[in-house]
Amino acid sequence: MSQIKNNVQLIGYVGKDPEMISFNSDKKLVKMSIATSDSYQKNGEWKNETQWHNVVAWGRTADYIHQNVKKGNEVALMGKLNHRSYENKEGQTQSITEIVVNELVKISKNT
């Protein structure tokens, strides 16, 4: 039986400038959101649907994104889906799905 791999590929637009977080052990994390859109026809009328994706990157990839990617840039990325839970300030358990990037290419040339 072959292994099933957790692999995600997206092309979308960066929603806001990436946020860099540094940890004591020189680890770096970048967070950002990516918008993807899809068009479909419903009752003879074209509809556009936008979905937002939480994206994180570590290490060298985080450095590259922080230095080169800005709000509005179109990017292509490859990574894996990660589901996790955490406790918020009110003590409630929150769940989040994010894409952990291992490759990213900036498509748009704008700054």
PDB file of N, CA and C in Angstrom:
ATOM      1  N   MET A   1       0.847  -1.185   0.000  1.00  0.00           N
ATOM      2  CA  MET A   1       0.000   0.000   0.000  1.00  0.00           C
ATOM      3  C   MET A   1       0.890   1.246   0.000  1.00  0.00           C
ATOM      4  N   SER A   2       0.584   2.190  -0.858  1.00  0.00           N
ATOM      5  CA  SER A   2       1.383   3.408  -0.938  1.00  0.00           C
ATOM      6  C   SER A   2       1.002   4.367   0.182  1.00  0.00           C
ATOM      7  N   GLN A   3       1.960   5.227   0.542  1.00  0.00           N
ATOM      8  CA  GLN A   3       1.718   6.220   1.576  1.00  0.00           C
ATOM      9  C   GLN A   3       0.886   7.364   1.024  1.00  0.00           C
ATOM     10  N   ILE A   4      -0.009   7.869   1.846  1.00  0.00           N
ATOM     11  CA  ILE A   4      -0.776   9.053   1.497  1.00  0.00           C
ATOM     12  C   ILE A   4      -0.008  10.246   2.054  1.00  0.00           C
ATOM     13  N   LYS A   5       0.260  11.207   1.198  1.00  0.00           N
ATOM     14  CA  LYS A   5       1.045  12.367   1.615  1.00  0.00           C
ATOM     15  C   LYS A   5       0.140  13.566   1.848  1.00  0.00           C
ATOM     16  N   ASN A   6       0.511  14.354   2.815  1.00  0.00           N
ATOM     17  CA  ASN A   6      -0.190  15.585   3.159  1.00  0.00           C
ATOM     18  C   ASN A   6       0.487  16.700   2.375  1.00  0.00           C
ATOM     19  N   ASN A   7      -0.101  17.093   1.254  1.00  0.00           N
ATOM     20  CA  ASN A   7       0.520  18.063   0.367  1.00  0.00           C
ATOM     21  C   ASN A   7      -0.531  19.053  -0.128  1.00  0.00           C
ATOM     22  N   VAL A   8      -0.240  20.352   0.024  1.00  0.00           N
ATOM     23  CA  VAL A   8      -1.143  21.408  -0.396  1.00  0.00           C
ATOM     24  C   VAL A   8      -0.392  22.345  -1.327  1.00  0.00           C
ATOM     25  N   GLN A   9      -1.033  22.738  -2.424  1.00  0.00           N
ATOM     26  CA  GLN A   9      -0.477  23.733  -3.334  1.00  0.00           C
ATOM     27  C   GLN A   9      -1.536  24.799  -3.559  1.00  0.00           C
ATOM     28  N   LEU A  10      -1.138  26.074  -3.392  1.00  0.00           N
ATOM     29  CA  LEU A  10      -2.068  27.182  -3.570  1.00  0.00           C
ATOM     30  C   LEU A  10      -1.407  28.302  -4.353  1.00  0.00           C
ATOM     31  N   ILE A  11      -2.222  29.008  -5.102  1.00  0.00           N
ATOM     32  CA  ILE A  11      -1.824  30.283  -5.685  1.00  0.00           C
ATOM     33  C   ILE A  11      -2.858  31.288  -5.210  1.00  0.00           C
ATOM     34  N   GLY A  12      -2.378  32.365  -4.589  1.00  0.00           N
ATOM     35  CA  GLY A  12      -3.306  33.349  -4.061  1.00  0.00           C
ATOM     36  C   GLY A  12      -2.610  34.656  -3.757  1.00  0.00           C
ATOM     37  N   TYR A  13      -3.355  35.549  -3.133  1.00  0.00           N
ATOM     38  CA  TYR A  13      -2.876  36.891  -2.817  1.00  0.00           C
ATOM     39  C   TYR A  13      -2.713  37.055  -1.316  1.00  0.00           C
ATOM     40  N   VAL A  14      -1.632  37.716  -0.913  1.00  0.00           N
ATOM     41  CA  VAL A  14      -1.331  37.943   0.493  1.00  0.00           C
ATOM     42  C   VAL A  14      -2.265  39.027   1.032  1.00  0.00           C
ATOM     43  N   GLY A  15      -2.942  38.729   2.144  1.00  0.00           N
ATOM     44  CA  GLY A  15      -3.945  39.635   2.694  1.00  0.00           C
ATOM     45  C   GLY A  15      -3.391  40.815   3.471  1.00  0.00           C
ATOM     46  N   LYS A  16      -2.267  40.639   4.145  1.00  0.00           N
ATOM     47  CA  LYS A  16      -1.603  41.736   4.861  1.00  0.00           C
ATOM     48  C   LYS A  16      -0.127  41.378   4.969  1.00  0.00           C
ATOM     49  N   ASP A  17       0.697  42.363   5.292  1.00  0.00           N
ATOM     50  CA  ASP A  17       2.125  42.096   5.397  1.00  0.00           C
ATOM     51  C   ASP A  17       2.377  40.949   6.377  1.00  0.00           C
ATOM     52  N   PRO A  18       3.276  40.023   6.025  1.00  0.00           N
ATOM     53  CA  PRO A  18       3.581  38.905   6.922  1.00  0.00           C
ATOM     54  C   PRO A  18       4.109  39.396   8.272  1.00  0.00           C
ATOM     55  N   GLU A  19       3.760  38.662   9.319  1.00  0.00           N
ATOM     56  CA  GLU A  19       4.165  38.995  10.686  1.00  0.00           C
ATOM     57  C   GLU A  19       5.255  38.019  11.131  1.00  0.00           C
ATOM     58  N   MET A  20       6.428  38.552  11.507  1.00  0.00           N
ATOM     59  CA  MET A  20       7.539  37.725  11.961  1.00  0.00           C
ATOM     60  C   MET A  20       7.528  37.622  13.476  1.00  0.00           C
ATOM     61  N   ILE A  21       7.723  36.401  13.987  1.00  0.00           N
ATOM     62  CA  ILE A  21       7.828  36.150  15.418  1.00  0.00           C
ATOM     63  C   ILE A  21       9.152  35.426  15.645  1.00  0.00           C
ATOM     64  N   SER A  22       9.975  35.955  16.548  1.00  0.00           N
ATOM     65  CA  SER A  22      11.250  35.320  16.887  1.00  0.00           C
ATOM     66  C   SER A  22      11.142  34.720  18.273  1.00  0.00           C
ATOM     67  N   PHE A  23      11.728  33.532  18.428  1.00  0.00           N
ATOM     68  CA  PHE A  23      11.738  32.843  19.713  1.00  0.00           C
ATOM     69  C   PHE A  23      13.142  32.911  20.308  1.00  0.00           C
ATOM     70  N   ASN A  24      13.268  32.651  21.607  1.00  0.00           N
ATOM     71  CA  ASN A  24      14.550  32.740  22.306  1.00  0.00           C
ATOM     72  C   ASN A  24      15.643  31.884  21.675  1.00  0.00           C
ATOM     73  N   SER A  25      15.300  30.763  21.132  1.00  0.00           N
ATOM     74  CA  SER A  25      16.297  29.832  20.597  1.00  0.00           C
ATOM     75  C   SER A  25      16.654  30.144  19.142  1.00  0.00           C
ATOM     76  N   ASP A  26      16.492  31.396  18.717  1.00  0.00           N
ATOM     77  CA  ASP A  26      16.781  31.827  17.350  1.00  0.00           C
ATOM     78  C   ASP A  26      15.868  31.189  16.307  1.00  0.00           C
ATOM     79  N   LYS A  27      14.764  30.603  16.737  1.00  0.00           N
ATOM     80  CA  LYS A  27      13.778  30.100  15.780  1.00  0.00           C
ATOM     81  C   LYS A  27      12.916  31.262  15.324  1.00  0.00           C
ATOM     82  N   LYS A  28      12.558  31.244  14.040  1.00  0.00           N
ATOM     83  CA  LYS A  28      11.725  32.302  13.480  1.00  0.00           C
ATOM     84  C   LYS A  28      10.485  31.691  12.845  1.00  0.00           C
ATOM     85  N   LEU A  29       9.372  32.394  13.032  1.00  0.00           N
ATOM     86  CA  LEU A  29       8.092  31.985  12.470  1.00  0.00           C
ATOM     87  C   LEU A  29       7.486  33.190  11.783  1.00  0.00           C
ATOM     88  N   VAL A  30       6.927  32.966  10.601  1.00  0.00           N
ATOM     89  CA  VAL A  30       6.194  34.031   9.921  1.00  0.00           C
ATOM     90  C   VAL A  30       4.753  33.561   9.767  1.00  0.00           C
ATOM     91  N   LYS A  31       3.813  34.486   9.993  1.00  0.00           N
ATOM     92  CA  LYS A  31       2.384  34.211   9.829  1.00  0.00           C
ATOM     93  C   LYS A  31       1.829  35.159   8.789  1.00  0.00           C
ATOM     94  N   MET A  32       0.902  34.652   7.968  1.00  0.00           N
ATOM     95  CA  MET A  32       0.205  35.509   7.012  1.00  0.00           C
ATOM     96  C   MET A  32      -1.065  34.795   6.572  1.00  0.00           C
ATOM     97  N   SER A  33      -1.873  35.508   5.822  1.00  0.00           N
ATOM     98  CA  SER A  33      -3.084  34.905   5.256  1.00  0.00           C
ATOM     99  C   SER A  33      -3.032  35.064   3.742  1.00  0.00           C
ATOM    100  N   ILE A  34      -3.560  34.058   3.073  1.00  0.00           N
ATOM    101  CA  ILE A  34      -3.596  34.024   1.615  1.00  0.00           C
ATOM    102  C   ILE A  34      -5.061  33.896   1.175  1.00  0.00           C
ATOM    103  N   ALA A  35      -5.453  34.718   0.200  1.00  0.00           N
ATOM    104  CA  ALA A  35      -6.808  34.645  -0.356  1.00  0.00           C
ATOM    105  C   ALA A  35      -6.758  33.911  -1.688  1.00  0.00           C
ATOM    106  N   THR A  36      -7.629  32.926  -1.833  1.00  0.00           N
ATOM    107  CA  THR A  36      -7.816  32.264  -3.122  1.00  0.00           C
ATOM    108  C   THR A  36      -9.251  32.484  -3.543  1.00  0.00           C
ATOM    109  N   SER A  37      -9.493  32.477  -4.837  1.00  0.00           N
ATOM    110  CA  SER A  37     -10.867  32.688  -5.293  1.00  0.00           C
ATOM    111  C   SER A  37     -11.234  31.671  -6.360  1.00  0.00           C
ATOM    112  N   ASP A  38     -12.517  31.448  -6.469  1.00  0.00           N
ATOM    113  CA  ASP A  38     -13.067  30.488  -7.416  1.00  0.00           C
ATOM    114  C   ASP A  38     -14.324  31.098  -8.021  1.00  0.00           C
ATOM    115  N   SER A  39     -14.529  30.884  -9.295  1.00  0.00           N
ATOM    116  CA  SER A  39     -15.733  31.364  -9.976  1.00  0.00           C
ATOM    117  C   SER A  39     -16.582  30.173 -10.389  1.00  0.00           C
ATOM    118  N   TYR A  40     -17.871  30.332 -10.252  1.00  0.00           N
ATOM    119  CA  TYR A  40     -18.803  29.283 -10.663  1.00  0.00           C
ATOM    120  C   TYR A  40     -20.106  29.928 -11.108  1.00  0.00           C
ATOM    121  N   GLN A  41     -20.892  29.150 -11.837  1.00  0.00           N
ATOM    122  CA  GLN A  41     -22.159  29.661 -12.343  1.00  0.00           C
ATOM    123  C   GLN A  41     -23.299  29.033 -11.559  1.00  0.00           C
ATOM    124  N   LYS A  42     -24.201  29.891 -11.076  1.00  0.00           N
ATOM    125  CA  LYS A  42     -25.373  29.435 -10.329  1.00  0.00           C
ATOM    126  C   LYS A  42     -26.592  30.145 -10.886  1.00  0.00           C
ATOM    127  N   ASN A  43     -27.566  29.383 -11.348  1.00  0.00           N
ATOM    128  CA  ASN A  43     -28.790  29.929 -11.944  1.00  0.00           C
ATOM    129  C   ASN A  43     -28.476  30.911 -13.072  1.00  0.00           C
ATOM    130  N   GLY A  44     -27.461  30.577 -13.872  1.00  0.00           N
ATOM    131  CA  GLY A  44     -27.099  31.395 -15.016  1.00  0.00           C
ATOM    132  C   GLY A  44     -26.288  32.636 -14.691  1.00  0.00           C
ATOM    133  N   GLU A  45     -25.977  32.835 -13.416  1.00  0.00           N
ATOM    134  CA  GLU A  45     -25.223  34.014 -12.997  1.00  0.00           C
ATOM    135  C   GLU A  45     -23.869  33.587 -12.426  1.00  0.00           C
ATOM    136  N   TRP A  46     -22.815  34.304 -12.824  1.00  0.00           N
ATOM    137  CA  TRP A  46     -21.479  33.990 -12.342  1.00  0.00           C
ATOM    138  C   TRP A  46     -21.281  34.530 -10.936  1.00  0.00           C
ATOM    139  N   LYS A  47     -20.734  33.679 -10.067  1.00  0.00           N
ATOM    140  CA  LYS A  47     -20.443  34.035  -8.675  1.00  0.00           C
ATOM    141  C   LYS A  47     -18.953  33.870  -8.434  1.00  0.00           C
ATOM    142  N   ASN A  48     -18.399  34.746  -7.617  1.00  0.00           N
ATOM    143  CA  ASN A  48     -17.015  34.630  -7.166  1.00  0.00           C
ATOM    144  C   ASN A  48     -17.019  34.315  -5.681  1.00  0.00           C
ATOM    145  N   GLU A  49     -16.187  33.370  -5.291  1.00  0.00           N
ATOM    146  CA  GLU A  49     -16.088  32.989  -3.887  1.00  0.00           C
ATOM    147  C   GLU A  49     -14.627  33.078  -3.456  1.00  0.00           C
ATOM    148  N   THR A  50     -14.365  33.812  -2.399  1.00  0.00           N
ATOM    149  CA  THR A  50     -13.013  33.953  -1.877  1.00  0.00           C
ATOM    150  C   THR A  50     -12.895  33.175  -0.580  1.00  0.00           C
ATOM    151  N   GLN A  51     -11.793  32.445  -0.444  1.00  0.00           N
ATOM    152  CA  GLN A  51     -11.499  31.734   0.792  1.00  0.00           C
ATOM    153  C   GLN A  51     -10.161  32.223   1.330  1.00  0.00           C
ATOM    154  N   TRP A  52     -10.070  32.341   2.651  1.00  0.00           N
ATOM    155  CA  TRP A  52      -8.841  32.778   3.312  1.00  0.00           C
ATOM    156  C   TRP A  52      -8.176  31.595   3.980  1.00  0.00           C
ATOM    157  N   HIS A  53      -6.855  31.533   3.857  1.00  0.00           N
ATOM    158  CA  HIS A  53      -6.070  30.429   4.395  1.00  0.00           C
ATOM    159  C   HIS A  53      -5.003  30.982   5.333  1.00  0.00           C
ATOM    160  N   ASN A  54      -4.917  30.409   6.531  1.00  0.00           N
ATOM    161  CA  ASN A  54      -3.853  30.765   7.472  1.00  0.00           C
ATOM    162  C   ASN A  54      -2.585  30.044   7.029  1.00  0.00           C
ATOM    163  N   VAL A  55      -1.484  30.790   6.959  1.00  0.00           N
ATOM    164  CA  VAL A  55      -0.222  30.250   6.468  1.00  0.00           C
ATOM    165  C   VAL A  55       0.876  30.580   7.469  1.00  0.00           C
ATOM    166  N   VAL A  56       1.743  29.595   7.734  1.00  0.00           N
ATOM    167  CA  VAL A  56       2.911  29.812   8.584  1.00  0.00           C
ATOM    168  C   VAL A  56       4.137  29.229   7.896  1.00  0.00           C
ATOM    169  N   ALA A  57       5.303  29.782   8.232  1.00  0.00           N
ATOM    170  CA  ALA A  57       6.565  29.265   7.705  1.00  0.00           C
ATOM    171  C   ALA A  57       7.628  29.434   8.780  1.00  0.00           C
ATOM    172  N   TRP A  58       8.615  28.551   8.765  1.00  0.00           N
ATOM    173  CA  TRP A  58       9.692  28.548   9.752  1.00  0.00           C
ATOM    174  C   TRP A  58      11.044  28.756   9.084  1.00  0.00           C
ATOM    175  N   GLY A  59      12.025  29.186   9.857  1.00  0.00           N
ATOM    176  CA  GLY A  59      13.422  29.215   9.440  1.00  0.00           C
ATOM    177  C   GLY A  59      13.709  30.068   8.222  1.00  0.00           C
ATOM    178  N   ARG A  60      14.463  29.490   7.277  1.00  0.00           N
ATOM    179  CA  ARG A  60      14.856  30.227   6.069  1.00  0.00           C
ATOM    180  C   ARG A  60      13.665  30.661   5.235  1.00  0.00           C
ATOM    181  N   THR A  61      12.651  29.813   5.179  1.00  0.00           N
ATOM    182  CA  THR A  61      11.451  30.177   4.418  1.00  0.00           C
ATOM    183  C   THR A  61      10.785  31.388   5.061  1.00  0.00           C
ATOM    184  N   ALA A  62      10.740  31.423   6.388  1.00  0.00           N
ATOM    185  CA  ALA A  62      10.175  32.569   7.108  1.00  0.00           C
ATOM    186  C   ALA A  62      10.979  33.835   6.802  1.00  0.00           C
ATOM    187  N   ASP A  63      12.319  33.715   6.799  1.00  0.00           N
ATOM    188  CA  ASP A  63      13.172  34.866   6.472  1.00  0.00           C
ATOM    189  C   ASP A  63      12.877  35.391   5.072  1.00  0.00           C
ATOM    190  N   TYR A  64      12.808  34.475   4.102  1.00  0.00           N
ATOM    191  CA  TYR A  64      12.540  34.874   2.711  1.00  0.00           C
ATOM    192  C   TYR A  64      11.206  35.612   2.613  1.00  0.00           C
ATOM    193  N   ILE A  65      10.171  35.043   3.213  1.00  0.00           N
ATOM    194  CA  ILE A  65       8.842  35.651   3.146  1.00  0.00           C
ATOM    195  C   ILE A  65       8.856  37.028   3.801  1.00  0.00           C
ATOM    196  N   HIS A  66       9.453  37.129   4.975  1.00  0.00           N
ATOM    197  CA  HIS A  66       9.478  38.403   5.699  1.00  0.00           C
ATOM    198  C   HIS A  66      10.202  39.488   4.911  1.00  0.00           C
ATOM    199  N   GLN A  67      11.255  39.126   4.194  1.00  0.00           N
ATOM    200  CA  GLN A  67      12.054  40.102   3.456  1.00  0.00           C
ATOM    201  C   GLN A  67      11.483  40.448   2.076  1.00  0.00           C
ATOM    202  N   ASN A  68      10.725  39.533   1.461  1.00  0.00           N
ATOM    203  CA  ASN A  68      10.348  39.702   0.058  1.00  0.00           C
ATOM    204  C   ASN A  68       8.857  39.767  -0.246  1.00  0.00           C
ATOM    205  N   VAL A  69       8.012  39.376   0.684  1.00  0.00           N
ATOM    206  CA  VAL A  69       6.580  39.271   0.402  1.00  0.00           C
ATOM    207  C   VAL A  69       5.828  40.363   1.162  1.00  0.00           C
ATOM    208  N   LYS A  70       4.926  41.018   0.468  1.00  0.00           N
ATOM    209  CA  LYS A  70       4.128  42.099   1.053  1.00  0.00           C
ATOM    210  C   LYS A  70       2.644  41.891   0.735  1.00  0.00           C
ATOM    211  N   LYS A  71       1.813  42.643   1.427  1.00  0.00           N
ATOM    212  CA  LYS A  71       0.372  42.626   1.176  1.00  0.00           C
ATOM    213  C   LYS A  71       0.111  42.864  -0.309  1.00  0.00           C
ATOM    214  N   GLY A  72      -0.780  42.059  -0.890  1.00  0.00           N
ATOM    215  CA  GLY A  72      -1.166  42.217  -2.285  1.00  0.00           C
ATOM    216  C   GLY A  72      -0.355  41.389  -3.268  1.00  0.00           C
ATOM    217  N   ASN A  73       0.819  40.876  -2.844  1.00  0.00           N
ATOM    218  CA  ASN A  73       1.611  40.032  -3.740  1.00  0.00           C
ATOM    219  C   ASN A  73       0.877  38.741  -4.053  1.00  0.00           C
ATOM    220  N   GLU A  74       1.017  38.299  -5.297  1.00  0.00           N
ATOM    221  CA  GLU A  74       0.517  36.983  -5.671  1.00  0.00           C
ATOM    222  C   GLU A  74       1.650  35.991  -5.443  1.00  0.00           C
ATOM    223  N   VAL A  75       1.337  34.898  -4.759  1.00  0.00           N
ATOM    224  CA  VAL A  75       2.340  33.890  -4.448  1.00  0.00           C
ATOM    225  C   VAL A  75       1.820  32.500  -4.765  1.00  0.00           C
ATOM    226  N   ALA A  76       2.755  31.606  -5.066  1.00  0.00           N
ATOM    227  CA  ALA A  76       2.460  30.180  -5.198  1.00  0.00           C
ATOM    228  C   ALA A  76       3.193  29.498  -4.057  1.00  0.00           C
ATOM    229  N   LEU A  77       2.516  28.612  -3.366  1.00  0.00           N
ATOM    230  CA  LEU A  77       3.161  27.942  -2.245  1.00  0.00           C
ATOM    231  C   LEU A  77       2.834  26.460  -2.221  1.00  0.00           C
ATOM    232  N   MET A  78       3.728  25.728  -1.589  1.00  0.00           N
ATOM    233  CA  MET A  78       3.517  24.305  -1.370  1.00  0.00           C
ATOM    234  C   MET A  78       3.846  24.025   0.092  1.00  0.00           C
ATOM    235  N   GLY A  79       3.040  23.198   0.705  1.00  0.00           N
ATOM    236  CA  GLY A  79       3.259  22.867   2.102  1.00  0.00           C
ATOM    237  C   GLY A  79       2.346  21.734   2.522  1.00  0.00           C
ATOM    238  N   LYS A  80       2.041  21.701   3.814  1.00  0.00           N
ATOM    239  CA  LYS A  80       1.152  20.661   4.327  1.00  0.00           C
ATOM    240  C   LYS A  80       0.107  21.283   5.241  1.00  0.00           C
ATOM    241  N   LEU A  81      -1.038  20.626   5.330  1.00  0.00           N
ATOM    242  CA  LEU A  81      -2.101  21.068   6.235  1.00  0.00           C
ATOM    243  C   LEU A  81      -1.762  20.637   7.652  1.00  0.00           C
ATOM    244  N   ASN A  82      -2.013  21.536   8.593  1.00  0.00           N
ATOM    245  CA  ASN A  82      -1.777  21.244   9.993  1.00  0.00           C
ATOM    246  C   ASN A  82      -3.010  21.676  10.782  1.00  0.00           C
ATOM    247  N   HIS A  83      -3.559  20.775  11.570  1.00  0.00           N
ATOM    248  CA  HIS A  83      -4.699  21.080  12.442  1.00  0.00           C
ATOM    249  C   HIS A  83      -4.183  21.067  13.875  1.00  0.00           C
ATOM    250  N   ARG A  84      -4.513  22.112  14.628  1.00  0.00           N
ATOM    251  CA  ARG A  84      -4.079  22.147  16.026  1.00  0.00           C
ATOM    252  C   ARG A  84      -5.118  22.877  16.870  1.00  0.00           C
ATOM    253  N   SER A  85      -5.002  22.692  18.166  1.00  0.00           N
ATOM    254  CA  SER A  85      -5.890  23.355  19.123  1.00  0.00           C
ATOM    255  C   SER A  85      -5.045  24.128  20.120  1.00  0.00           C
ATOM    256  N   TYR A  86      -5.625  25.179  20.654  1.00  0.00           N
ATOM    257  CA  TYR A  86      -4.965  25.968  21.694  1.00  0.00           C
ATOM    258  C   TYR A  86      -6.028  26.557  22.597  1.00  0.00           C
ATOM    259  N   GLU A  87      -5.593  27.028  23.755  1.00  0.00           N
ATOM    260  CA  GLU A  87      -6.510  27.643  24.705  1.00  0.00           C
ATOM    261  C   GLU A  87      -6.378  29.159  24.606  1.00  0.00           C
ATOM    262  N   ASN A  88      -7.506  29.857  24.395  1.00  0.00           N
ATOM    263  CA  ASN A  88      -7.468  31.317  24.274  1.00  0.00           C
ATOM    264  C   ASN A  88      -7.421  31.971  25.659  1.00  0.00           C
ATOM    265  N   LYS A  89      -7.391  33.302  25.676  1.00  0.00           N
ATOM    266  CA  LYS A  89      -7.274  34.050  26.931  1.00  0.00           C
ATOM    267  C   LYS A  89      -8.439  33.803  27.879  1.00  0.00           C
ATOM    268  N   GLU A  90      -9.593  33.444  27.312  1.00  0.00           N
ATOM    269  CA  GLU A  90     -10.783  33.168  28.128  1.00  0.00           C
ATOM    270  C   GLU A  90     -10.828  31.728  28.611  1.00  0.00           C
ATOM    271  N   GLY A  91      -9.810  30.933  28.269  1.00  0.00           N
ATOM    272  CA  GLY A  91      -9.758  29.544  28.701  1.00  0.00           C
ATOM    273  C   GLY A  91     -10.534  28.583  27.819  1.00  0.00           C
ATOM    274  N   GLN A  92     -11.002  29.046  26.671  1.00  0.00           N
ATOM    275  CA  GLN A  92     -11.750  28.192  25.763  1.00  0.00           C
ATOM    276  C   GLN A  92     -10.803  27.554  24.740  1.00  0.00           C
ATOM    277  N   THR A  93     -11.086  26.332  24.379  1.00  0.00           N
ATOM    278  CA  THR A  93     -10.271  25.641  23.379  1.00  0.00           C
ATOM    279  C   THR A  93     -10.672  26.106  21.988  1.00  0.00           C
ATOM    280  N   GLN A  94      -9.693  26.534  21.211  1.00  0.00           N
ATOM    281  CA  GLN A  94      -9.896  26.974  19.829  1.00  0.00           C
ATOM    282  C   GLN A  94      -9.152  26.017  18.902  1.00  0.00           C
ATOM    283  N   SER A  95      -9.719  25.771  17.748  1.00  0.00           N
ATOM    284  CA  SER A  95      -9.060  24.942  16.746  1.00  0.00           C
ATOM    285  C   SER A  95      -8.703  25.801  15.553  1.00  0.00           C
ATOM    286  N   ILE A  96      -7.590  25.462  14.917  1.00  0.00           N
ATOM    287  CA  ILE A  96      -7.139  26.206  13.753  1.00  0.00           C
ATOM    288  C   ILE A  96      -6.556  25.225  12.741  1.00  0.00           C
ATOM    289  N   THR A  97      -6.800  25.535  11.474  1.00  0.00           N
ATOM    290  CA  THR A  97      -6.171  24.806  10.379  1.00  0.00           C
ATOM    291  C   THR A  97      -5.277  25.790   9.657  1.00  0.00           C
ATOM    292  N   GLU A  98      -4.044  25.390   9.425  1.00  0.00           N
ATOM    293  CA  GLU A  98      -3.103  26.273   8.752  1.00  0.00           C
ATOM    294  C   GLU A  98      -2.260  25.472   7.771  1.00  0.00           C
ATOM    295  N   ILE A  99      -1.641  26.199   6.861  1.00  0.00           N
ATOM    296  CA  ILE A  99      -0.730  25.578   5.911  1.00  0.00           C
ATOM    297  C   ILE A  99       0.681  25.906   6.364  1.00  0.00           C
ATOM    298  N   VAL A 100       1.481  24.861   6.575  1.00  0.00           N
ATOM    299  CA  VAL A 100       2.884  25.029   6.932  1.00  0.00           C
ATOM    300  C   VAL A 100       3.670  24.977   5.627  1.00  0.00           C
ATOM    301  N   VAL A 101       4.249  26.118   5.238  1.00  0.00           N
ATOM    302  CA  VAL A 101       4.906  26.274   3.942  1.00  0.00           C
ATOM    303  C   VAL A 101       6.313  25.688   3.971  1.00  0.00           C
ATOM    304  N   ASN A 102       6.649  24.935   2.902  1.00  0.00           N
ATOM    305  CA  ASN A 102       8.045  24.540   2.739  1.00  0.00           C
ATOM    306  C   ASN A 102       8.645  25.106   1.459  1.00  0.00           C
ATOM    307  N   GLU A 103       7.799  25.614   0.548  1.00  0.00           N
ATOM    308  CA  GLU A 103       8.274  26.310  -0.652  1.00  0.00           C
ATOM    309  C   GLU A 103       7.304  27.425  -0.992  1.00  0.00           C
ATOM    310  N   LEU A 104       7.851  28.573  -1.396  1.00  0.00           N
ATOM    311  CA  LEU A 104       7.019  29.709  -1.796  1.00  0.00           C
ATOM    312  C   LEU A 104       7.730  30.467  -2.911  1.00  0.00           C
ATOM    313  N   VAL A 105       6.959  30.844  -3.925  1.00  0.00           N
ATOM    314  CA  VAL A 105       7.471  31.636  -5.032  1.00  0.00           C
ATOM    315  C   VAL A 105       6.580  32.869  -5.168  1.00  0.00           C
ATOM    316  N   LYS A 106       7.220  34.027  -5.217  1.00  0.00           N
ATOM    317  CA  LYS A 106       6.494  35.272  -5.429  1.00  0.00           C
ATOM    318  C   LYS A 106       6.235  35.412  -6.927  1.00  0.00           C
ATOM    319  N   ILE A 107       4.966  35.524  -7.311  1.00  0.00           N
ATOM    320  CA  ILE A 107       4.594  35.605  -8.726  1.00  0.00           C
ATOM    321  C   ILE A 107       4.519  37.054  -9.187  1.00  0.00           C
ATOM    322  N   SER A 108       3.857  37.896  -8.397  1.00  0.00           N
ATOM    323  CA  SER A 108       3.682  39.295  -8.812  1.00  0.00           C
ATOM    324  C   SER A 108       4.973  40.063  -8.630  1.00  0.00           C
ATOM    325  N   LYS A 109       5.179  41.056  -9.469  1.00  0.00           N
ATOM    326  CA  LYS A 109       6.394  41.862  -9.438  1.00  0.00           C
ATOM    327  C   LYS A 109       6.225  43.146  -8.661  1.00  0.00           C
ATOM    328  N   ASN A 110       4.980  43.454  -8.227  1.00  0.00           N
ATOM    329  CA  ASN A 110       4.767  44.698  -7.488  1.00  0.00           C
ATOM    330  C   ASN A 110       5.390  44.588  -6.099  1.00  0.00           C
ATOM    331  N   THR A 111       5.656  45.718  -5.469  1.00  0.00           N
ATOM    332  CA  THR A 111       6.350  45.715  -4.178  1.00  0.00           C
ATOM    333  C   THR A 111       5.451  45.437  -3.016  1.00  0.00           C
TER     334      THR A 111
END
